[in-house]
Amino acid sequence: MKLYRHFTSQEDIDFEYKTELWADDSEYWFKFFVEESRKVREELQCVLDVPFGATLEETFDIFPSDNPGSPILVFIHGGYWRRLSSKEFSFIARGLVGQGWTVAVTNYALCPKVSLPEITRQSRAAVAQIARNSAAYNGNEHKIYVAGHSAGGQQVARLLDTDWVTNYGLPGNLIKGGYALSGVYDLAPLQYSWLQPVLQLDQAIVKSESPVYNIAKSTPPLLIEVGGEESSEFKRQSRDYYEQCIEAGLPACYQEQEGKHHFSVIEGFLDSEGQQTKSVLALAQKSES
């Protein structure tokens, strides 16, 4: 009996989606994220745990540019929607702050305390709050970009499928560019994985929260990226989402980072000349052209 595509067992699905199996140094990278993030919070000016909602988890950490009117990157962290926080990803800010950007790293409540639709609501609320208060952090509300890794990649896609006018009273083109790294864009296989008891997915959530079933009618430039050393399913998911965006006439690009796995794929944010920093700068240039 097929569970998803050609997969007939949970073991096979778990093998593709357990990211640690595809990175034999994953523990190194978790420690790297924690330590480098601690250093960045000490090095850079930052305002931590800024509330954007009623619950304790609804906060963001913001690293302001020194220059008023700077572009803003809002970053959504990964962790399969069930672990980690903004604090492990402060390192994301160093490269772009060095390039004159303001960077916000969002936090959100985790599954199973909340559902995936609630996490999406929280991501949208965070972006709206940052936009409305951008000047307080030397940011420009007309130059907001979003990026996310793993679960955060899925959230980037959901943010691009948002009615900012009707639901938030903000411009429809609020987000000027999206950068989705190593995301899961079809949630269906996770129903049959070790994650299901925590994520508690049902068919309604799979349909409403899978970007492949919710391709926006229009988007700003979107970069979809995945590590060349990631599992075949992670690469296929990114390619499929990219192809659907192209079929819909959306300005999407796809690239694989040679030699990078699920965790090393984001290390370039740490350096002003790093791969991810350069990708965000290129995305901004494309959106303004």
C-alpha atoms as a PDB file:
ATOM      1  CA  MET A   1       0.000   0.000   0.000  1.00  0.00           C
ATOM      2  CA  LYS A   2       1.393   3.375  -1.009  1.00  0.00           C
ATOM      3  CA  LEU A   3       1.434   6.040   1.689  1.00  0.00           C
ATOM      4  CA  TYR A   4       2.824   8.903  -0.362  1.00  0.00           C
ATOM      5  CA  ARG A   5       4.105   8.817  -3.933  1.00  0.00           C
ATOM      6  CA  HIS A   6       6.155   5.607  -4.132  1.00  0.00           C
ATOM      7  CA  PHE A   7       6.676   5.258  -0.367  1.00  0.00           C
ATOM      8  CA  THR A   8       5.073   2.228   1.280  1.00  0.00           C
ATOM      9  CA  SER A   9       6.431   2.475   4.829  1.00  0.00           C
ATOM     10  CA  GLN A  10       7.039   5.026   7.535  1.00  0.00           C
ATOM     11  CA  GLU A  11      10.669   3.912   7.679  1.00  0.00           C
ATOM     12  CA  ASP A  12      11.217   4.967   4.078  1.00  0.00           C
ATOM     13  CA  ILE A  13       9.597   8.356   4.642  1.00  0.00           C
ATOM     14  CA  ASP A  14      11.503   8.918   7.876  1.00  0.00           C
ATOM     15  CA  PHE A  15      14.760   8.177   6.082  1.00  0.00           C
ATOM     16  CA  GLU A  16      14.102  10.997   3.619  1.00  0.00           C
ATOM     17  CA  TYR A  17      12.833  13.549   6.134  1.00  0.00           C
ATOM     18  CA  LYS A  18      15.050  12.941   9.181  1.00  0.00           C
ATOM     19  CA  THR A  19      17.520  15.657   8.341  1.00  0.00           C
ATOM     20  CA  GLU A  20      20.158  14.469  10.829  1.00  0.00           C
ATOM     21  CA  LEU A  21      20.562  11.259   8.833  1.00  0.00           C
ATOM     22  CA  TRP A  22      21.865  13.308   5.912  1.00  0.00           C
ATOM     23  CA  ALA A  23      24.369  15.295   7.971  1.00  0.00           C
ATOM     24  CA  ASP A  24      26.760  13.258  10.094  1.00  0.00           C
ATOM     25  CA  ASP A  25      27.943  16.453  11.800  1.00  0.00           C
ATOM     26  CA  SER A  26      24.503  17.790  12.757  1.00  0.00           C
ATOM     27  CA  GLU A  27      25.455  18.096  16.445  1.00  0.00           C
ATOM     28  CA  TYR A  28      28.331  20.365  15.460  1.00  0.00           C
ATOM     29  CA  TRP A  29      25.932  22.621  13.593  1.00  0.00           C
ATOM     30  CA  PHE A  30      23.426  22.876  16.447  1.00  0.00           C
ATOM     31  CA  LYS A  31      26.262  23.951  18.743  1.00  0.00           C
ATOM     32  CA  PHE A  32      27.539  26.296  16.032  1.00  0.00           C
ATOM     33  CA  PHE A  33      24.153  28.018  15.762  1.00  0.00           C
ATOM     34  CA  VAL A  34      23.930  28.497  19.533  1.00  0.00           C
ATOM     35  CA  GLU A  35      27.478  29.778  19.992  1.00  0.00           C
ATOM     36  CA  GLU A  36      27.587  32.059  16.945  1.00  0.00           C
ATOM     37  CA  SER A  37      24.189  33.477  17.844  1.00  0.00           C
ATOM     38  CA  ARG A  38      25.417  34.285  21.353  1.00  0.00           C
ATOM     39  CA  LYS A  39      28.414  36.108  19.861  1.00  0.00           C
ATOM     40  CA  VAL A  40      26.219  38.084  17.457  1.00  0.00           C
ATOM     41  CA  ARG A  41      23.918  39.230  20.266  1.00  0.00           C
ATOM     42  CA  GLU A  42      27.007  40.491  22.111  1.00  0.00           C
ATOM     43  CA  GLU A  43      28.547  42.136  19.051  1.00  0.00           C
ATOM     44  CA  LEU A  44      25.554  43.852  17.502  1.00  0.00           C
ATOM     45  CA  GLN A  45      23.007  46.288  18.806  1.00  0.00           C
ATOM     46  CA  CYS A  46      19.791  44.351  19.330  1.00  0.00           C
ATOM     47  CA  VAL A  47      16.388  44.534  20.933  1.00  0.00           C
ATOM     48  CA  LEU A  48      15.289  41.123  22.155  1.00  0.00           C
ATOM     49  CA  ASP A  49      11.876  39.582  22.763  1.00  0.00           C
ATOM     50  CA  VAL A  50       9.803  42.359  21.222  1.00  0.00           C
ATOM     51  CA  PRO A  51       6.158  41.256  21.598  1.00  0.00           C
ATOM     52  CA  PHE A  52       3.888  41.172  18.559  1.00  0.00           C
ATOM     53  CA  GLY A  53       1.019  39.149  20.017  1.00  0.00           C
ATOM     54  CA  ALA A  54      -0.736  38.180  23.201  1.00  0.00           C
ATOM     55  CA  THR A  55       1.109  34.949  23.997  1.00  0.00           C
ATOM     56  CA  LEU A  56       4.582  34.616  25.467  1.00  0.00           C
ATOM     57  CA  GLU A  57       6.025  32.966  22.363  1.00  0.00           C
ATOM     58  CA  GLU A  58       4.953  35.741  19.997  1.00  0.00           C
ATOM     59  CA  THR A  59       8.141  37.808  19.947  1.00  0.00           C
ATOM     60  CA  PHE A  60      10.912  38.804  17.605  1.00  0.00           C
ATOM     61  CA  ASP A  61      14.550  39.798  18.091  1.00  0.00           C
ATOM     62  CA  ILE A  62      15.640  42.736  15.993  1.00  0.00           C
ATOM     63  CA  PHE A  63      19.080  43.909  14.962  1.00  0.00           C
ATOM     64  CA  PRO A  64      18.773  47.484  13.669  1.00  0.00           C
ATOM     65  CA  SER A  65      20.869  49.041  10.979  1.00  0.00           C
ATOM     66  CA  ASP A  66      22.794  52.182  11.884  1.00  0.00           C
ATOM     67  CA  ASN A  67      21.152  53.963   8.970  1.00  0.00           C
ATOM     68  CA  PRO A  68      17.516  55.142   8.924  1.00  0.00           C
ATOM     69  CA  GLY A  69      15.454  53.820   6.036  1.00  0.00           C
ATOM     70  CA  SER A  70      17.385  50.572   5.611  1.00  0.00           C
ATOM     71  CA  PRO A  71      15.903  47.457   3.990  1.00  0.00           C
ATOM     72  CA  ILE A  72      14.587  44.825   6.397  1.00  0.00           C
ATOM     73  CA  LEU A  73      14.993  41.061   6.351  1.00  0.00           C
ATOM     74  CA  VAL A  74      12.531  39.070   8.448  1.00  0.00           C
ATOM     75  CA  PHE A  75      13.864  35.564   9.108  1.00  0.00           C
ATOM     76  CA  ILE A  76      11.713  32.586  10.224  1.00  0.00           C
ATOM     77  CA  HIS A  77      13.613  29.751  11.884  1.00  0.00           C
ATOM     78  CA  GLY A  78      13.285  26.019  11.281  1.00  0.00           C
ATOM     79  CA  GLY A  79      12.945  23.015  13.568  1.00  0.00           C
ATOM     80  CA  TYR A  80      10.030  21.160  11.938  1.00  0.00           C
ATOM     81  CA  TRP A  81       7.605  23.560  13.679  1.00  0.00           C
ATOM     82  CA  ARG A  82       8.245  21.690  16.949  1.00  0.00           C
ATOM     83  CA  ARG A  83      11.554  22.916  18.379  1.00  0.00           C
ATOM     84  CA  LEU A  84      14.175  25.703  18.454  1.00  0.00           C
ATOM     85  CA  SER A  85      13.533  29.416  18.789  1.00  0.00           C
ATOM     86  CA  SER A  86      14.693  32.783  17.549  1.00  0.00           C
ATOM     87  CA  LYS A  87      17.691  32.648  19.899  1.00  0.00           C
ATOM     88  CA  GLU A  88      19.494  29.874  17.980  1.00  0.00           C
ATOM     89  CA  PHE A  89      19.353  32.005  14.819  1.00  0.00           C
ATOM     90  CA  SER A  90      20.629  35.417  15.887  1.00  0.00           C
ATOM     91  CA  PHE A  91      23.690  34.641  13.746  1.00  0.00           C
ATOM     92  CA  ILE A  92      21.533  35.255  10.678  1.00  0.00           C
ATOM     93  CA  ALA A  93      21.821  38.993  11.362  1.00  0.00           C
ATOM     94  CA  ARG A  94      25.588  39.505  11.175  1.00  0.00           C
ATOM     95  CA  GLY A  95      26.129  39.434   7.420  1.00  0.00           C
ATOM     96  CA  LEU A  96      23.215  41.651   6.456  1.00  0.00           C
ATOM     97  CA  VAL A  97      23.631  44.165   9.291  1.00  0.00           C
ATOM     98  CA  GLY A  98      27.186  44.479   8.005  1.00  0.00           C
ATOM     99  CA  GLN A  99      25.658  45.368   4.632  1.00  0.00           C
ATOM    100  CA  GLY A 100      23.453  48.098   6.142  1.00  0.00           C
ATOM    101  CA  TRP A 101      20.253  46.098   6.684  1.00  0.00           C
ATOM    102  CA  THR A 102      17.936  45.738   9.652  1.00  0.00           C
ATOM    103  CA  VAL A 103      17.294  42.075  10.495  1.00  0.00           C
ATOM    104  CA  ALA A 104      14.434  40.613  12.544  1.00  0.00           C
ATOM    105  CA  VAL A 105      14.386  36.970  13.662  1.00  0.00           C
ATOM    106  CA  THR A 106      10.910  35.839  14.645  1.00  0.00           C
ATOM    107  CA  ASN A 107       9.807  33.445  17.349  1.00  0.00           C
ATOM    108  CA  TYR A 108       6.572  31.448  17.363  1.00  0.00           C
ATOM    109  CA  ALA A 109       4.691  28.910  19.458  1.00  0.00           C
ATOM    110  CA  LEU A 110       5.494  25.298  18.640  1.00  0.00           C
ATOM    111  CA  CYS A 111       3.540  22.166  17.831  1.00  0.00           C
ATOM    112  CA  PRO A 112       1.749  20.415  19.489  1.00  0.00           C
ATOM    113  CA  LYS A 113       0.878  23.423  21.675  1.00  0.00           C
ATOM    114  CA  VAL A 114      -0.442  25.116  18.544  1.00  0.00           C
ATOM    115  CA  SER A 115      -1.273  23.975  15.013  1.00  0.00           C
ATOM    116  CA  LEU A 116       0.490  24.854  11.779  1.00  0.00           C
ATOM    117  CA  PRO A 117      -2.235  27.315  10.755  1.00  0.00           C
ATOM    118  CA  GLU A 118      -1.623  29.162  14.020  1.00  0.00           C
ATOM    119  CA  ILE A 119       2.115  29.305  13.326  1.00  0.00           C
ATOM    120  CA  THR A 120       1.347  30.822   9.927  1.00  0.00           C
ATOM    121  CA  ARG A 121      -0.939  33.374  11.583  1.00  0.00           C
ATOM    122  CA  GLN A 122       1.847  34.277  13.985  1.00  0.00           C
ATOM    123  CA  SER A 123       4.380  34.710  11.155  1.00  0.00           C
ATOM    124  CA  ARG A 124       2.001  37.045   9.348  1.00  0.00           C
ATOM    125  CA  ALA A 125       1.342  39.014  12.533  1.00  0.00           C
ATOM    126  CA  ALA A 126       5.089  39.376  13.129  1.00  0.00           C
ATOM    127  CA  VAL A 127       5.689  40.778   9.644  1.00  0.00           C
ATOM    128  CA  ALA A 128       2.758  43.179  10.049  1.00  0.00           C
ATOM    129  CA  GLN A 129       4.076  44.424  13.393  1.00  0.00           C
ATOM    130  CA  ILE A 130       7.577  44.911  12.020  1.00  0.00           C
ATOM    131  CA  ALA A 131       6.198  46.832   9.040  1.00  0.00           C
ATOM    132  CA  ARG A 132       4.125  49.150  11.224  1.00  0.00           C
ATOM    133  CA  ASN A 133       7.081  49.901  13.493  1.00  0.00           C
ATOM    134  CA  SER A 134       9.891  49.779  10.951  1.00  0.00           C
ATOM    135  CA  ALA A 135      11.110  53.328  11.549  1.00  0.00           C
ATOM    136  CA  ALA A 136      11.808  52.535  15.203  1.00  0.00           C
ATOM    137  CA  TYR A 137      14.463  50.073  14.013  1.00  0.00           C
ATOM    138  CA  ASN A 138      15.880  52.247  11.213  1.00  0.00           C
ATOM    139  CA  GLY A 139      13.946  50.134   8.717  1.00  0.00           C
ATOM    140  CA  ASN A 140      12.008  51.001   5.597  1.00  0.00           C
ATOM    141  CA  GLU A 141       8.463  49.595   5.473  1.00  0.00           C
ATOM    142  CA  HIS A 142       8.658  49.672   1.667  1.00  0.00           C
ATOM    143  CA  LYS A 143      11.694  47.389   1.592  1.00  0.00           C
ATOM    144  CA  ILE A 144      10.685  44.288   3.535  1.00  0.00           C
ATOM    145  CA  TYR A 145      12.053  40.879   2.533  1.00  0.00           C
ATOM    146  CA  VAL A 146      11.396  37.505   4.135  1.00  0.00           C
ATOM    147  CA  ALA A 147      13.633  34.458   4.447  1.00  0.00           C
ATOM    148  CA  GLY A 148      13.285  31.155   6.237  1.00  0.00           C
ATOM    149  CA  HIS A 149      14.983  27.809   6.632  1.00  0.00           C
ATOM    150  CA  SER A 150      13.347  24.343   6.730  1.00  0.00           C
ATOM    151  CA  ALA A 151       9.995  24.909   8.484  1.00  0.00           C
ATOM    152  CA  GLY A 152      10.737  28.583   7.940  1.00  0.00           C
ATOM    153  CA  GLY A 153      10.965  27.966   4.198  1.00  0.00           C
ATOM    154  CA  GLN A 154       7.377  26.716   4.274  1.00  0.00           C
ATOM    155  CA  GLN A 155       6.452  29.842   6.230  1.00  0.00           C
ATOM    156  CA  VAL A 156       8.050  32.102   3.627  1.00  0.00           C
ATOM    157  CA  ALA A 157       5.819  30.536   0.992  1.00  0.00           C
ATOM    158  CA  ARG A 158       2.756  31.037   3.188  1.00  0.00           C
ATOM    159  CA  LEU A 159       3.687  34.673   3.786  1.00  0.00           C
ATOM    160  CA  LEU A 160       3.764  35.242   0.041  1.00  0.00           C
ATOM    161  CA  ASP A 161       0.202  33.901  -0.111  1.00  0.00           C
ATOM    162  CA  THR A 162      -1.227  36.562   2.209  1.00  0.00           C
ATOM    163  CA  ASP A 163      -3.951  39.152   1.655  1.00  0.00           C
ATOM    164  CA  TRP A 164      -2.202  42.013   3.410  1.00  0.00           C
ATOM    165  CA  VAL A 165      -4.794  44.560   2.338  1.00  0.00           C
ATOM    166  CA  THR A 166      -7.957  42.814   3.541  1.00  0.00           C
ATOM    167  CA  ASN A 167      -6.590  41.231   6.706  1.00  0.00           C
ATOM    168  CA  TYR A 168      -3.994  43.760   7.883  1.00  0.00           C
ATOM    169  CA  GLY A 169      -4.723  47.066   6.155  1.00  0.00           C
ATOM    170  CA  LEU A 170      -1.226  47.025   4.667  1.00  0.00           C
ATOM    171  CA  PRO A 171      -0.076  47.338   1.044  1.00  0.00           C
ATOM    172  CA  GLY A 172      -0.676  44.267  -1.089  1.00  0.00           C
ATOM    173  CA  ASN A 173       2.971  44.321  -2.170  1.00  0.00           C
ATOM    174  CA  LEU A 174       4.248  44.573   1.411  1.00  0.00           C
ATOM    175  CA  ILE A 175       6.881  41.868   0.874  1.00  0.00           C
ATOM    176  CA  LYS A 176       9.389  42.744  -1.819  1.00  0.00           C
ATOM    177  CA  GLY A 177      11.171  39.377  -2.033  1.00  0.00           C
ATOM    178  CA  GLY A 178      11.211  35.873  -0.578  1.00  0.00           C
ATOM    179  CA  TYR A 179      14.081  33.476   0.104  1.00  0.00           C
ATOM    180  CA  ALA A 180      13.034  29.916   1.015  1.00  0.00           C
ATOM    181  CA  LEU A 181      15.807  27.521   2.010  1.00  0.00           C
ATOM    182  CA  SER A 182      15.379  23.748   2.345  1.00  0.00           C
ATOM    183  CA  GLY A 183      11.643  23.959   2.889  1.00  0.00           C
ATOM    184  CA  VAL A 184       8.867  21.367   2.918  1.00  0.00           C
ATOM    185  CA  TYR A 185       6.221  22.536   0.462  1.00  0.00           C
ATOM    186  CA  ASP A 186       3.966  19.465   0.467  1.00  0.00           C
ATOM    187  CA  LEU A 187       3.142  18.396   4.024  1.00  0.00           C
ATOM    188  CA  ALA A 188       1.414  15.155   2.988  1.00  0.00           C
ATOM    189  CA  PRO A 189       4.345  12.783   3.658  1.00  0.00           C
ATOM    190  CA  LEU A 190       4.772  14.106   7.188  1.00  0.00           C
ATOM    191  CA  GLN A 191       1.398  12.588   8.121  1.00  0.00           C
ATOM    192  CA  TYR A 192       3.076   9.185   7.784  1.00  0.00           C
ATOM    193  CA  SER A 193       6.302  10.125   9.552  1.00  0.00           C
ATOM    194  CA  TRP A 194       7.600  10.179  13.120  1.00  0.00           C
ATOM    195  CA  LEU A 195       6.503  13.837  13.242  1.00  0.00           C
ATOM    196  CA  GLN A 196       2.766  13.162  13.004  1.00  0.00           C
ATOM    197  CA  PRO A 197       2.118  12.762  16.775  1.00  0.00           C
ATOM    198  CA  VAL A 198       3.596  16.227  17.303  1.00  0.00           C
ATOM    199  CA  LEU A 199       2.332  18.020  14.187  1.00  0.00           C
ATOM    200  CA  GLN A 200      -1.125  16.407  14.312  1.00  0.00           C
ATOM    201  CA  LEU A 201      -1.752  16.974  10.633  1.00  0.00           C
ATOM    202  CA  ASP A 202      -5.072  16.244   8.993  1.00  0.00           C
ATOM    203  CA  GLN A 203      -6.153  16.601   5.386  1.00  0.00           C
ATOM    204  CA  ALA A 204      -7.520  20.100   5.939  1.00  0.00           C
ATOM    205  CA  ILE A 205      -4.207  21.321   7.340  1.00  0.00           C
ATOM    206  CA  VAL A 206      -2.215  19.579   4.604  1.00  0.00           C
ATOM    207  CA  LYS A 207      -4.302  21.339   1.957  1.00  0.00           C
ATOM    208  CA  SER A 208      -4.351  24.755   3.632  1.00  0.00           C
ATOM    209  CA  GLU A 209      -0.699  24.880   4.725  1.00  0.00           C
ATOM    210  CA  SER A 210       1.129  23.145   1.857  1.00  0.00           C
ATOM    211  CA  PRO A 211       2.480  25.824  -0.496  1.00  0.00           C
ATOM    212  CA  VAL A 212       2.145  23.492  -3.507  1.00  0.00           C
ATOM    213  CA  TYR A 213      -1.639  23.648  -3.032  1.00  0.00           C
ATOM    214  CA  ASN A 214      -1.646  27.400  -2.436  1.00  0.00           C
ATOM    215  CA  ILE A 215       0.369  29.037  -5.178  1.00  0.00           C
ATOM    216  CA  ALA A 216      -0.149  32.776  -4.947  1.00  0.00           C
ATOM    217  CA  LYS A 217      -1.573  34.639  -7.937  1.00  0.00           C
ATOM    218  CA  SER A 218       1.319  37.071  -7.820  1.00  0.00           C
ATOM    219  CA  THR A 219       4.519  37.299  -5.812  1.00  0.00           C
ATOM    220  CA  PRO A 220       7.669  39.357  -5.630  1.00  0.00           C
ATOM    221  CA  PRO A 221      10.917  37.682  -6.738  1.00  0.00           C
ATOM    222  CA  LEU A 222      11.344  34.353  -4.958  1.00  0.00           C
ATOM    223  CA  LEU A 223      14.541  32.333  -4.531  1.00  0.00           C
ATOM    224  CA  ILE A 224      14.065  28.650  -3.670  1.00  0.00           C
ATOM    225  CA  GLU A 225      17.251  26.987  -2.492  1.00  0.00           C
ATOM    226  CA  VAL A 226      18.298  23.575  -1.179  1.00  0.00           C
ATOM    227  CA  GLY A 227      21.565  21.894  -0.269  1.00  0.00           C
ATOM    228  CA  GLY A 228      23.136  19.597  -2.844  1.00  0.00           C
ATOM    229  CA  GLU A 229      23.800  17.024  -0.101  1.00  0.00           C
ATOM    230  CA  GLU A 230      20.211  16.912   1.143  1.00  0.00           C
ATOM    231  CA  SER A 231      17.869  13.969   0.639  1.00  0.00           C
ATOM    232  CA  SER A 232      16.234  13.331  -2.703  1.00  0.00           C
ATOM    233  CA  GLU A 233      12.855  14.281  -1.213  1.00  0.00           C
ATOM    234  CA  PHE A 234      14.032  17.661   0.056  1.00  0.00           C
ATOM    235  CA  LYS A 235      15.475  18.437  -3.358  1.00  0.00           C
ATOM    236  CA  ARG A 236      12.352  17.189  -5.128  1.00  0.00           C
ATOM    237  CA  GLN A 237      10.089  19.262  -2.879  1.00  0.00           C
ATOM    238  CA  SER A 238      12.018  22.425  -3.716  1.00  0.00           C
ATOM    239  CA  ARG A 239      12.058  21.644  -7.434  1.00  0.00           C
ATOM    240  CA  ASP A 240       8.341  20.850  -7.506  1.00  0.00           C
ATOM    241  CA  TYR A 241       7.434  24.078  -5.735  1.00  0.00           C
ATOM    242  CA  TYR A 242       9.687  26.045  -8.065  1.00  0.00           C
ATOM    243  CA  GLU A 243       8.177  24.416 -11.150  1.00  0.00           C
ATOM    244  CA  GLN A 244       4.645  25.189  -9.974  1.00  0.00           C
ATOM    245  CA  CYS A 245       5.611  28.818  -9.384  1.00  0.00           C
ATOM    246  CA  ILE A 246       7.047  29.032 -12.887  1.00  0.00           C
ATOM    247  CA  GLU A 247       3.927  27.423 -14.374  1.00  0.00           C
ATOM    248  CA  ALA A 248       1.890  30.112 -12.603  1.00  0.00           C
ATOM    249  CA  GLY A 249       4.035  32.804 -14.181  1.00  0.00           C
ATOM    250  CA  LEU A 250       5.716  33.818 -10.918  1.00  0.00           C
ATOM    251  CA  PRO A 251       9.268  35.255 -10.809  1.00  0.00           C
ATOM    252  CA  ALA A 252      10.943  32.301  -9.085  1.00  0.00           C
ATOM    253  CA  CYS A 253      14.511  30.997  -9.235  1.00  0.00           C
ATOM    254  CA  TYR A 254      15.883  27.664  -8.040  1.00  0.00           C
ATOM    255  CA  GLN A 255      19.372  26.661  -7.054  1.00  0.00           C
ATOM    256  CA  GLU A 256      21.188  23.883  -5.229  1.00  0.00           C
ATOM    257  CA  GLN A 257      24.173  24.667  -3.050  1.00  0.00           C
ATOM    258  CA  GLU A 258      26.844  22.172  -3.979  1.00  0.00           C
ATOM    259  CA  GLY A 259      28.397  20.406  -1.012  1.00  0.00           C
ATOM    260  CA  LYS A 260      25.905  21.774   1.537  1.00  0.00           C
ATOM    261  CA  HIS A 261      23.521  19.759   3.692  1.00  0.00           C
ATOM    262  CA  HIS A 262      20.390  20.775   5.583  1.00  0.00           C
ATOM    263  CA  PHE A 263      22.273  22.633   8.313  1.00  0.00           C
ATOM    264  CA  SER A 264      25.343  24.039   6.572  1.00  0.00           C
ATOM    265  CA  VAL A 265      23.123  25.510   3.859  1.00  0.00           C
ATOM    266  CA  ILE A 266      22.504  28.653   5.937  1.00  0.00           C
ATOM    267  CA  GLU A 267      25.985  29.391   7.287  1.00  0.00           C
ATOM    268  CA  GLY A 268      26.530  32.085   4.642  1.00  0.00           C
ATOM    269  CA  PHE A 269      24.265  34.488   6.543  1.00  0.00           C
ATOM    270  CA  LEU A 270      27.045  34.861   9.109  1.00  0.00           C
ATOM    271  CA  ASP A 271      29.381  36.752   6.792  1.00  0.00           C
ATOM    272  CA  SER A 272      28.851  40.003   4.892  1.00  0.00           C
ATOM    273  CA  GLU A 273      30.339  38.263   1.849  1.00  0.00           C
ATOM    274  CA  GLY A 274      28.667  34.903   2.503  1.00  0.00           C
ATOM    275  CA  GLN A 275      26.505  33.073  -0.019  1.00  0.00           C
ATOM    276  CA  GLN A 276      23.194  33.747   1.721  1.00  0.00           C
ATOM    277  CA  THR A 277      23.986  37.408   2.342  1.00  0.00           C
ATOM    278  CA  LYS A 278      24.845  37.832  -1.336  1.00  0.00           C
ATOM    279  CA  SER A 279      21.649  36.016  -2.329  1.00  0.00           C
ATOM    280  CA  VAL A 280      19.513  38.426  -0.296  1.00  0.00           C
ATOM    281  CA  LEU A 281      21.315  41.412  -1.807  1.00  0.00           C
ATOM    282  CA  ALA A 282      20.773  40.000  -5.306  1.00  0.00           C
ATOM    283  CA  LEU A 283      17.111  39.409  -4.521  1.00  0.00           C
ATOM    284  CA  ALA A 284      16.736  43.017  -3.420  1.00  0.00           C
ATOM    285  CA  GLN A 285      18.451  44.254  -6.563  1.00  0.00           C
ATOM    286  CA  LYS A 286      16.135  42.144  -8.690  1.00  0.00           C
ATOM    287  CA  SER A 287      13.018  43.414  -6.930  1.00  0.00           C
ATOM    288  CA  GLU A 288      14.060  47.008  -7.488  1.00  0.00           C
ATOM    289  CA  SER A 289      14.930  46.609 -11.168  1.00  0.00           C
END
